[in-house]
PDB file of N, CA and C in Angstrom:
ATOM      1  N   MET A   1       8.662 -20.417  16.616  1.00  0.00           N
ATOM      2  CA  MET A   1       8.434 -21.558  15.745  1.00  0.00           C
ATOM      3  C   MET A   1       9.549 -22.575  15.940  1.00  0.00           C
ATOM      4  N   LYS A   2       9.190 -23.828  16.032  1.00  0.00           N
ATOM      5  CA  LYS A   2      10.185 -24.883  16.164  1.00  0.00           C
ATOM      6  C   LYS A   2      11.019 -24.983  14.898  1.00  0.00           C
ATOM      7  N   ASN A   3      12.202 -25.531  15.047  1.00  0.00           N
ATOM      8  CA  ASN A   3      13.078 -25.732  13.910  1.00  0.00           C
ATOM      9  C   ASN A   3      12.723 -27.059  13.242  1.00  0.00           C
ATOM     10  N   GLN A   4      11.674 -27.058  12.445  1.00  0.00           N
ATOM     11  CA  GLN A   4      11.208 -28.262  11.773  1.00  0.00           C
ATOM     12  C   GLN A   4      11.987 -28.462  10.480  1.00  0.00           C
ATOM     13  N   THR A   5      12.447 -29.674  10.258  1.00  0.00           N
ATOM     14  CA  THR A   5      13.172 -29.988   9.036  1.00  0.00           C
ATOM     15  C   THR A   5      12.237 -30.705   8.075  1.00  0.00           C
ATOM     16  N   GLN A   6      12.262 -30.272   6.831  1.00  0.00           N
ATOM     17  CA  GLN A   6      11.427 -30.845   5.786  1.00  0.00           C
ATOM     18  C   GLN A   6      12.311 -31.257   4.616  1.00  0.00           C
ATOM     19  N   THR A   7      11.769 -32.099   3.735  1.00  0.00           N
ATOM     20  CA  THR A   7      12.463 -32.503   2.518  1.00  0.00           C
ATOM     21  C   THR A   7      11.517 -32.377   1.336  1.00  0.00           C
ATOM     22  N   ILE A   8      12.033 -31.848   0.245  1.00  0.00           N
ATOM     23  CA  ILE A   8      11.282 -31.766  -1.010  1.00  0.00           C
ATOM     24  C   ILE A   8      12.097 -32.487  -2.073  1.00  0.00           C
ATOM     25  N   ASN A   9      11.414 -33.256  -2.912  1.00  0.00           N
ATOM     26  CA  ASN A   9      12.061 -33.944  -4.022  1.00  0.00           C
ATOM     27  C   ASN A   9      11.617 -33.275  -5.314  1.00  0.00           C
ATOM     28  N   GLY A  10      12.553 -33.125  -6.232  1.00  0.00           N
ATOM     29  CA  GLY A  10      12.198 -32.545  -7.521  1.00  0.00           C
ATOM     30  C   GLY A  10      13.204 -32.907  -8.589  1.00  0.00           C
ATOM     31  N   LYS A  11      12.817 -32.633  -9.822  1.00  0.00           N
ATOM     32  CA  LYS A  11      13.696 -32.878 -10.963  1.00  0.00           C
ATOM     33  C   LYS A  11      14.319 -31.547 -11.374  1.00  0.00           C
ATOM     34  N   VAL A  12      15.630 -31.538 -11.505  1.00  0.00           N
ATOM     35  CA  VAL A  12      16.381 -30.323 -11.837  1.00  0.00           C
ATOM     36  C   VAL A  12      16.139 -29.958 -13.300  1.00  0.00           C
ATOM     37  N   TYR A  13      15.719 -28.702 -13.544  1.00  0.00           N
ATOM     38  CA  TYR A  13      15.555 -28.248 -14.930  1.00  0.00           C
ATOM     39  C   TYR A  13      16.514 -27.113 -15.299  1.00  0.00           C
ATOM     40  N   ALA A  14      17.209 -26.556 -14.322  1.00  0.00           N
ATOM     41  CA  ALA A  14      18.226 -25.536 -14.609  1.00  0.00           C
ATOM     42  C   ALA A  14      19.152 -25.388 -13.412  1.00  0.00           C
ATOM     43  N   VAL A  15      20.405 -25.033 -13.696  1.00  0.00           N
ATOM     44  CA  VAL A  15      21.398 -24.807 -12.643  1.00  0.00           C
ATOM     45  C   VAL A  15      22.204 -23.566 -13.007  1.00  0.00           C
ATOM     46  N   GLU A  16      22.351 -22.651 -12.055  1.00  0.00           N
ATOM     47  CA  GLU A  16      23.215 -21.480 -12.234  1.00  0.00           C
ATOM     48  C   GLU A  16      24.386 -21.621 -11.274  1.00  0.00           C
ATOM     49  N   ARG A  17      25.551 -21.962 -11.812  1.00  0.00           N
ATOM     50  CA  ARG A  17      26.760 -22.086 -11.002  1.00  0.00           C
ATOM     51  C   ARG A  17      27.507 -20.767 -11.092  1.00  0.00           C
ATOM     52  N   LEU A  18      27.543 -20.036  -9.986  1.00  0.00           N
ATOM     53  CA  LEU A  18      28.109 -18.693  -9.976  1.00  0.00           C
ATOM     54  C   LEU A  18      29.436 -18.612  -9.221  1.00  0.00           C
ATOM     55  N   GLY A  19      30.037 -19.757  -8.948  1.00  0.00           N
ATOM     56  CA  GLY A  19      31.319 -19.780  -8.235  1.00  0.00           C
ATOM     57  C   GLY A  19      31.135 -19.827  -6.735  1.00  0.00           C
ATOM     58  N   GLY A  20      30.759 -18.718  -6.140  1.00  0.00           N
ATOM     59  CA  GLY A  20      30.574 -18.652  -4.693  1.00  0.00           C
ATOM     60  C   GLY A  20      29.206 -19.118  -4.236  1.00  0.00           C
ATOM     61  N   GLU A  21      28.286 -19.302  -5.184  1.00  0.00           N
ATOM     62  CA  GLU A  21      26.947 -19.766  -4.858  1.00  0.00           C
ATOM     63  C   GLU A  21      26.337 -20.468  -6.070  1.00  0.00           C
ATOM     64  N   THR A  22      25.324 -21.269  -5.825  1.00  0.00           N
ATOM     65  CA  THR A  22      24.644 -22.005  -6.884  1.00  0.00           C
ATOM     66  C   THR A  22      23.139 -21.897  -6.687  1.00  0.00           C
ATOM     67  N   TYR A  23      22.425 -21.670  -7.781  1.00  0.00           N
ATOM     68  CA  TYR A  23      20.961 -21.701  -7.765  1.00  0.00           C
ATOM     69  C   TYR A  23      20.518 -22.938  -8.532  1.00  0.00           C
ATOM     70  N   ILE A  24      19.660 -23.728  -7.899  1.00  0.00           N
ATOM     71  CA  ILE A  24      19.157 -24.956  -8.499  1.00  0.00           C
ATOM     72  C   ILE A  24      17.652 -24.803  -8.666  1.00  0.00           C
ATOM     73  N   TYR A  25      17.169 -25.040  -9.876  1.00  0.00           N
ATOM     74  CA  TYR A  25      15.751 -24.898 -10.189  1.00  0.00           C
ATOM     75  C   TYR A  25      15.151 -26.289 -10.356  1.00  0.00           C
ATOM     76  N   LEU A  26      14.131 -26.566  -9.543  1.00  0.00           N
ATOM     77  CA  LEU A  26      13.508 -27.893  -9.520  1.00  0.00           C
ATOM     78  C   LEU A  26      12.033 -27.795  -9.882  1.00  0.00           C
ATOM     79  N   ASN A  27      11.508 -28.883 -10.433  1.00  0.00           N
ATOM     80  CA  ASN A  27      10.070 -29.037 -10.580  1.00  0.00           C
ATOM     81  C   ASN A  27       9.682 -30.186  -9.666  1.00  0.00           C
ATOM     82  N   SER A  28       8.813 -29.907  -8.688  1.00  0.00           N
ATOM     83  CA  SER A  28       8.452 -30.910  -7.686  1.00  0.00           C
ATOM     84  C   SER A  28       7.416 -31.888  -8.238  1.00  0.00           C
ATOM     85  N   LYS A  29       7.164 -32.948  -7.479  1.00  0.00           N
ATOM     86  CA  LYS A  29       6.166 -33.950  -7.863  1.00  0.00           C
ATOM     87  C   LYS A  29       4.761 -33.359  -7.934  1.00  0.00           C
ATOM     88  N   THR A  30       4.536 -32.240  -7.217  1.00  0.00           N
ATOM     89  CA  THR A  30       3.236 -31.570  -7.256  1.00  0.00           C
ATOM     90  C   THR A  30       3.201 -30.494  -8.337  1.00  0.00           C
ATOM     91  N   ASP A  31       4.198 -30.515  -9.234  1.00  0.00           N
ATOM     92  CA  ASP A  31       4.304 -29.603 -10.369  1.00  0.00           C
ATOM     93  C   ASP A  31       4.496 -28.146  -9.948  1.00  0.00           C
ATOM     94  N   ASN A  32       5.169 -27.933  -8.829  1.00  0.00           N
ATOM     95  CA  ASN A  32       5.519 -26.588  -8.375  1.00  0.00           C
ATOM     96  C   ASN A  32       6.994 -26.334  -8.629  1.00  0.00           C
ATOM     97  N   ASP A  33       7.320 -25.111  -9.029  1.00  0.00           N
ATOM     98  CA  ASP A  33       8.720 -24.742  -9.206  1.00  0.00           C
ATOM     99  C   ASP A  33       9.327 -24.381  -7.867  1.00  0.00           C
ATOM    100  N   ILE A  34      10.554 -24.838  -7.648  1.00  0.00           N
ATOM    101  CA  ILE A  34      11.279 -24.573  -6.417  1.00  0.00           C
ATOM    102  C   ILE A  34      12.665 -24.075  -6.807  1.00  0.00           C
ATOM    103  N   ILE A  35      13.088 -22.993  -6.169  1.00  0.00           N
ATOM    104  CA  ILE A  35      14.433 -22.463  -6.402  1.00  0.00           C
ATOM    105  C   ILE A  35      15.224 -22.637  -5.115  1.00  0.00           C
ATOM    106  N   VAL A  36      16.371 -23.290  -5.236  1.00  0.00           N
ATOM    107  CA  VAL A  36      17.223 -23.558  -4.083  1.00  0.00           C
ATOM    108  C   VAL A  36      18.513 -22.764  -4.239  1.00  0.00           C
ATOM    109  N   HIS A  37      18.864 -22.002  -3.196  1.00  0.00           N
ATOM    110  CA  HIS A  37      20.111 -21.260  -3.176  1.00  0.00           C
ATOM    111  C   HIS A  37      21.090 -21.999  -2.278  1.00  0.00           C
ATOM    112  N   CYS A  38      22.262 -22.332  -2.804  1.00  0.00           N
ATOM    113  CA  CYS A  38      23.294 -23.035  -2.030  1.00  0.00           C
ATOM    114  C   CYS A  38      24.572 -22.208  -2.052  1.00  0.00           C
ATOM    115  N   SER A  39      25.288 -22.225  -0.943  1.00  0.00           N
ATOM    116  CA  SER A  39      26.592 -21.582  -0.949  1.00  0.00           C
ATOM    117  C   SER A  39      27.571 -22.518  -1.651  1.00  0.00           C
ATOM    118  N   GLY A  40      28.557 -21.946  -2.282  1.00  0.00           N
ATOM    119  CA  GLY A  40      29.577 -22.742  -2.966  1.00  0.00           C
ATOM    120  C   GLY A  40      29.159 -23.151  -4.372  1.00  0.00           C
ATOM    121  N   ASP A  41      30.089 -23.781  -5.066  1.00  0.00           N
ATOM    122  CA  ASP A  41      29.889 -24.243  -6.441  1.00  0.00           C
ATOM    123  C   ASP A  41      29.449 -25.697  -6.401  1.00  0.00           C
ATOM    124  N   ARG A  42      28.206 -25.979  -6.727  1.00  0.00           N
ATOM    125  CA  ARG A  42      27.649 -27.339  -6.654  1.00  0.00           C
ATOM    126  C   ARG A  42      27.570 -27.944  -8.049  1.00  0.00           C
ATOM    127  N   GLU A  43      28.021 -29.186  -8.172  1.00  0.00           N
ATOM    128  CA  GLU A  43      27.965 -29.881  -9.456  1.00  0.00           C
ATOM    129  C   GLU A  43      26.683 -30.697  -9.531  1.00  0.00           C
ATOM    130  N   ILE A  44      25.604 -30.051  -9.942  1.00  0.00           N
ATOM    131  CA  ILE A  44      24.300 -30.671 -10.103  1.00  0.00           C
ATOM    132  C   ILE A  44      23.985 -30.645 -11.591  1.00  0.00           C
ATOM    133  N   LYS A  45      23.399 -31.727 -12.102  1.00  0.00           N
ATOM    134  CA  LYS A  45      23.110 -31.813 -13.535  1.00  0.00           C
ATOM    135  C   LYS A  45      21.613 -31.693 -13.809  1.00  0.00           C
ATOM    136  N   VAL A  46      21.277 -31.037 -14.918  1.00  0.00           N
ATOM    137  CA  VAL A  46      19.895 -30.957 -15.372  1.00  0.00           C
ATOM    138  C   VAL A  46      19.386 -32.375 -15.615  1.00  0.00           C
ATOM    139  N   GLY A  47      18.167 -32.655 -15.178  1.00  0.00           N
ATOM    140  CA  GLY A  47      17.570 -33.979 -15.324  1.00  0.00           C
ATOM    141  C   GLY A  47      17.714 -34.844 -14.086  1.00  0.00           C
ATOM    142  N   GLU A  48      18.599 -34.441 -13.187  1.00  0.00           N
ATOM    143  CA  GLU A  48      18.821 -35.186 -11.946  1.00  0.00           C
ATOM    144  C   GLU A  48      17.618 -35.044 -11.016  1.00  0.00           C
ATOM    145  N   ASN A  49      17.274 -36.106 -10.298  1.00  0.00           N
ATOM    146  CA  ASN A  49      16.286 -36.012  -9.230  1.00  0.00           C
ATOM    147  C   ASN A  49      17.042 -35.692  -7.952  1.00  0.00           C
ATOM    148  N   LEU A  50      16.524 -34.737  -7.198  1.00  0.00           N
ATOM    149  CA  LEU A  50      17.253 -34.227  -6.054  1.00  0.00           C
ATOM    150  C   LEU A  50      16.331 -34.130  -4.844  1.00  0.00           C
ATOM    151  N   ASP A  51      16.808 -34.600  -3.696  1.00  0.00           N
ATOM    152  CA  ASP A  51      16.120 -34.395  -2.423  1.00  0.00           C
ATOM    153  C   ASP A  51      16.772 -33.199  -1.748  1.00  0.00           C
ATOM    154  N   VAL A  52      15.956 -32.206  -1.386  1.00  0.00           N
ATOM    155  CA  VAL A  52      16.466 -31.000  -0.753  1.00  0.00           C
ATOM    156  C   VAL A  52      15.904 -30.920   0.659  1.00  0.00           C
ATOM    157  N   GLY A  53      16.787 -30.896   1.642  1.00  0.00           N
ATOM    158  CA  GLY A  53      16.375 -30.739   3.029  1.00  0.00           C
ATOM    159  C   GLY A  53      16.527 -29.286   3.448  1.00  0.00           C
ATOM    160  N   PHE A  54      15.599 -28.808   4.259  1.00  0.00           N
ATOM    161  CA  PHE A  54      15.655 -27.421   4.689  1.00  0.00           C
ATOM    162  C   PHE A  54      14.954 -27.256   6.024  1.00  0.00           C
ATOM    163  N   SER A  55      15.296 -26.193   6.696  1.00  0.00           N
ATOM    164  CA  SER A  55      14.677 -25.828   7.960  1.00  0.00           C
ATOM    165  C   SER A  55      13.561 -24.826   7.668  1.00  0.00           C
ATOM    166  N   ILE A  56      12.371 -25.077   8.184  1.00  0.00           N
ATOM    167  CA  ILE A  56      11.231 -24.180   7.956  1.00  0.00           C
ATOM    168  C   ILE A  56      11.570 -22.758   8.414  1.00  0.00           C
ATOM    169  N   LYS A  57      12.235 -22.618   9.560  1.00  0.00           N
ATOM    170  CA  LYS A  57      12.492 -21.276  10.086  1.00  0.00           C
ATOM    171  C   LYS A  57      13.527 -20.511   9.266  1.00  0.00           C
ATOM    172  N   ASP A  58      14.337 -21.212   8.476  1.00  0.00           N
ATOM    173  CA  ASP A  58      15.387 -20.555   7.700  1.00  0.00           C
ATOM    174  C   ASP A  58      15.045 -20.374   6.219  1.00  0.00           C
ATOM    175  N   CYS A  59      13.857 -20.816   5.789  1.00  0.00           N
ATOM    176  CA  CYS A  59      13.527 -20.696   4.368  1.00  0.00           C
ATOM    177  C   CYS A  59      12.624 -19.494   4.120  1.00  0.00           C
ATOM    178  N   HIS A  60      12.578 -19.062   2.885  1.00  0.00           N
ATOM    179  CA  HIS A  60      11.717 -17.954   2.465  1.00  0.00           C
ATOM    180  C   HIS A  60      10.724 -18.521   1.460  1.00  0.00           C
ATOM    181  N   LEU A  61       9.435 -18.316   1.709  1.00  0.00           N
ATOM    182  CA  LEU A  61       8.382 -18.880   0.865  1.00  0.00           C
ATOM    183  C   LEU A  61       7.628 -17.762   0.149  1.00  0.00           C
ATOM    184  N   PHE A  62       7.284 -18.017  -1.129  1.00  0.00           N
ATOM    185  CA  PHE A  62       6.557 -17.044  -1.938  1.00  0.00           C
ATOM    186  C   PHE A  62       5.419 -17.746  -2.656  1.00  0.00           C
ATOM    187  N   ASN A  63       4.314 -17.041  -2.876  1.00  0.00           N
ATOM    188  CA  ASN A  63       3.216 -17.633  -3.634  1.00  0.00           C
ATOM    189  C   ASN A  63       3.468 -17.441  -5.129  1.00  0.00           C
ATOM    190  N   SER A  64       2.527 -17.867  -5.965  1.00  0.00           N
ATOM    191  CA  SER A  64       2.725 -17.818  -7.417  1.00  0.00           C
ATOM    192  C   SER A  64       2.773 -16.387  -7.958  1.00  0.00           C
ATOM    193  N   ASN A  65       2.325 -15.411  -7.163  1.00  0.00           N
ATOM    194  CA  ASN A  65       2.406 -14.007  -7.565  1.00  0.00           C
ATOM    195  C   ASN A  65       3.680 -13.332  -7.083  1.00  0.00           C
ATOM    196  N   GLY A  66       4.522 -14.074  -6.371  1.00  0.00           N
ATOM    197  CA  GLY A  66       5.766 -13.526  -5.874  1.00  0.00           C
ATOM    198  C   GLY A  66       5.667 -12.865  -4.513  1.00  0.00           C
ATOM    199  N   TRP A  67       4.508 -12.953  -3.880  1.00  0.00           N
ATOM    200  CA  TRP A  67       4.308 -12.377  -2.547  1.00  0.00           C
ATOM    201  C   TRP A  67       4.820 -13.323  -1.480  1.00  0.00           C
ATOM    202  N   THR A  68       5.404 -12.764  -0.418  1.00  0.00           N
ATOM    203  CA  THR A  68       5.923 -13.554   0.695  1.00  0.00           C
ATOM    204  C   THR A  68       4.779 -14.254   1.429  1.00  0.00           C
ATOM    205  N   ILE A  69       4.994 -15.519   1.783  1.00  0.00           N
ATOM    206  CA  ILE A  69       4.043 -16.272   2.589  1.00  0.00           C
ATOM    207  C   ILE A  69       4.558 -16.234   4.011  1.00  0.00           C
ATOM    208  N   ASN A  70       3.728 -15.772   4.937  1.00  0.00           N
ATOM    209  CA  ASN A  70       4.122 -15.732   6.343  1.00  0.00           C
ATOM    210  C   ASN A  70       4.153 -17.135   6.916  1.00  0.00           C
ATOM    211  N   LYS A  71       5.162 -17.400   7.729  1.00  0.00           N
ATOM    212  CA  LYS A  71       5.294 -18.727   8.352  1.00  0.00           C
ATOM    213  C   LYS A  71       4.580 -18.775   9.665  1.00  0.00           C
TER     214      LYS A  71
END
């Protein structure tokens, strides 16, 4: 699979700052929940609109039942 880069925009509704890593919870324009895992401590605020770039080959996708979606 090619290393395709994509971007998703969403509004932040929760942030877990854990020191060495941060989880950012977004609601996308298509009303889907997206969870972003970042290394390091990120200063993101609830209510912020955020563009998240990612590589298709490096992301993990799950359906609404929590099952892995094959790429």
